C-alpha atoms as a PDB file:
ATOM      1  CA  MET A   1      93.662 105.388  74.295  1.00  0.00           C
ATOM      2  CA  ILE A   2      93.322 101.953  71.948  1.00  0.00           C
ATOM      3  CA  ASN A   3      90.033 101.991  69.428  1.00  0.00           C
ATOM      4  CA  THR A   4      89.264  99.111  67.878  1.00  0.00           C
ATOM      5  CA  ILE A   5      87.111  99.959  65.274  1.00  0.00           C
ATOM      6  CA  PRO A   6      85.030  97.489  63.089  1.00  0.00           C
ATOM      7  CA  SER A   7      85.583  96.629  59.810  1.00  0.00           C
ATOM      8  CA  GLY A   8      83.732  99.013  57.866  1.00  0.00           C
ATOM      9  CA  ALA A   9      83.490 101.417  60.437  1.00  0.00           C
ATOM     10  CA  PRO A  10      84.259 104.956  60.451  1.00  0.00           C
ATOM     11  CA  ALA A  11      86.800 105.952  62.930  1.00  0.00           C
ATOM     12  CA  THR A  12      86.434 107.963  65.860  1.00  0.00           C
ATOM     13  CA  THR A  13      88.064 109.141  69.133  1.00  0.00           C
ATOM     14  CA  GLY A  14      84.997 108.382  71.220  1.00  0.00           C
ATOM     15  CA  PHE A  15      84.902 111.537  72.154  1.00  0.00           C
ATOM     16  CA  GLU A  16      82.399 112.498  69.636  1.00  0.00           C
ATOM     17  CA  ALA A  17      79.331 111.758  71.489  1.00  0.00           C
ATOM     18  CA  ILE A  18      80.293 115.046  73.838  1.00  0.00           C
ATOM     19  CA  GLU A  19      81.017 117.636  71.043  1.00  0.00           C
ATOM     20  CA  PRO A  20      78.162 119.692  72.187  1.00  0.00           C
ATOM     21  CA  ILE A  21      79.218 120.377  75.167  1.00  0.00           C
ATOM     22  CA  GLU A  22      81.377 123.955  75.325  1.00  0.00           C
ATOM     23  CA  ALA A  23      83.581 123.813  78.453  1.00  0.00           C
ATOM     24  CA  TYR A  24      84.385 120.932  80.921  1.00  0.00           C
ATOM     25  CA  LEU A  25      84.887 120.992  84.988  1.00  0.00           C
ATOM     26  CA  MET A  26      86.675 118.139  86.029  1.00  0.00           C
ATOM     27  CA  ASP A  27      87.770 117.515  89.305  1.00  0.00           C
ATOM     28  CA  MET A  28      91.925 116.431  89.684  1.00  0.00           C
ATOM     29  CA  ASP A  29      91.816 114.000  92.209  1.00  0.00           C
ATOM     30  CA  GLY A  30      90.452 110.865  91.555  1.00  0.00           C
ATOM     31  CA  VAL A  31      89.153 111.894  87.918  1.00  0.00           C
ATOM     32  CA  LEU A  32      92.337 112.413  86.322  1.00  0.00           C
ATOM     33  CA  VAL A  33      94.926 111.504  88.928  1.00  0.00           C
ATOM     34  CA  ARG A  34      95.318 108.948  91.575  1.00  0.00           C
ATOM     35  CA  GLY A  35      98.308 109.931  93.730  1.00  0.00           C
ATOM     36  CA  ALA A  36     101.074 109.640  91.379  1.00  0.00           C
ATOM     37  CA  GLN A  37      99.193 107.897  88.695  1.00  0.00           C
ATOM     38  CA  VAL A  38      97.627 109.215  85.535  1.00  0.00           C
ATOM     39  CA  ILE A  39      94.150 107.635  85.320  1.00  0.00           C
ATOM     40  CA  PRO A  40      94.007 105.655  81.945  1.00  0.00           C
ATOM     41  CA  GLY A  41      92.177 107.396  79.276  1.00  0.00           C
ATOM     42  CA  ALA A  42      92.795 111.315  80.847  1.00  0.00           C
ATOM     43  CA  ALA A  43      96.012 112.282  78.691  1.00  0.00           C
ATOM     44  CA  ASP A  44      94.211 111.077  75.888  1.00  0.00           C
ATOM     45  CA  PHE A  45      91.148 113.358  77.294  1.00  0.00           C
ATOM     46  CA  ILE A  46      93.116 116.435  77.568  1.00  0.00           C
ATOM     47  CA  ALA A  47      94.587 116.061  74.542  1.00  0.00           C
ATOM     48  CA  TRP A  48      91.266 115.992  72.416  1.00  0.00           C
ATOM     49  CA  LEU A  49      90.317 118.999  74.351  1.00  0.00           C
ATOM     50  CA  ARG A  50      93.365 120.685  73.595  1.00  0.00           C
ATOM     51  CA  ALA A  51      93.336 119.862  70.240  1.00  0.00           C
ATOM     52  CA  GLN A  52      89.966 120.935  69.487  1.00  0.00           C
ATOM     53  CA  ASP A  53      90.412 124.069  71.571  1.00  0.00           C
ATOM     54  CA  ARG A  54      87.738 123.241  73.947  1.00  0.00           C
ATOM     55  CA  ARG A  55      87.882 125.472  77.715  1.00  0.00           C
ATOM     56  CA  PHE A  56      87.984 123.215  80.417  1.00  0.00           C
ATOM     57  CA  LEU A  57      89.357 123.562  83.807  1.00  0.00           C
ATOM     58  CA  ILE A  58      90.753 121.466  86.593  1.00  0.00           C
ATOM     59  CA  LEU A  59      89.766 121.839  90.355  1.00  0.00           C
ATOM     60  CA  THR A  60      90.952 120.336  93.546  1.00  0.00           C
ATOM     61  CA  ASN A  61      90.222 121.115  97.243  1.00  0.00           C
ATOM     62  CA  SER A  62      93.611 121.463  98.221  1.00  0.00           C
ATOM     63  CA  SER A  63      94.411 124.566  98.396  1.00  0.00           C
ATOM     64  CA  VAL A  64      98.425 124.133  99.685  1.00  0.00           C
ATOM     65  CA  TYR A  65      99.795 124.334  95.817  1.00  0.00           C
ATOM     66  CA  THR A  66      99.732 126.865  93.284  1.00  0.00           C
ATOM     67  CA  PRO A  67      98.380 126.402  89.546  1.00  0.00           C
ATOM     68  CA  ARG A  68     102.257 126.311  88.588  1.00  0.00           C
ATOM     69  CA  ASP A  69     103.044 123.573  91.532  1.00  0.00           C
ATOM     70  CA  LEU A  70      99.825 121.612  90.114  1.00  0.00           C
ATOM     71  CA  GLN A  71     100.886 122.124  86.519  1.00  0.00           C
ATOM     72  CA  ALA A  72     104.637 121.011  87.384  1.00  0.00           C
ATOM     73  CA  ARG A  73     103.046 117.861  88.946  1.00  0.00           C
ATOM     74  CA  LEU A  74     100.894 117.287  86.406  1.00  0.00           C
ATOM     75  CA  ALA A  75     103.643 117.513  83.912  1.00  0.00           C
ATOM     76  CA  HIS A  76     105.840 114.852  85.731  1.00  0.00           C
ATOM     77  CA  ILE A  77     103.412 112.103  85.481  1.00  0.00           C
ATOM     78  CA  GLY A  78     102.358 112.938  81.981  1.00  0.00           C
ATOM     79  CA  LEU A  79      99.328 114.947  81.807  1.00  0.00           C
ATOM     80  CA  ASP A  80      99.688 118.611  79.797  1.00  0.00           C
ATOM     81  CA  VAL A  81      97.811 120.832  81.288  1.00  0.00           C
ATOM     82  CA  PRO A  82      98.211 124.639  81.231  1.00  0.00           C
ATOM     83  CA  ALA A  83      98.534 126.805  84.201  1.00  0.00           C
ATOM     84  CA  GLU A  84      95.141 128.983  83.379  1.00  0.00           C
ATOM     85  CA  ALA A  85      93.240 125.825  83.477  1.00  0.00           C
ATOM     86  CA  LEU A  86      94.067 124.802  87.100  1.00  0.00           C
END
């Protein structure tokens, strides 16, 4: 993610406004990925969650794939998500 910071402004990641949240629940398809494409900002957000040691779960209504299958699919397109979060 590219942040344009005005001269003299403090550097931010853009995610600070949501810091009071303790855990995140998000849908996979249409929120993080669309088909085989990562939605812009999704990888940065997942990386931020992991760096901040924030709890999160990614949901999908597809019951055909195991969490490990989904983890491999996401890793293949550039999202580093542990199977426990799926």
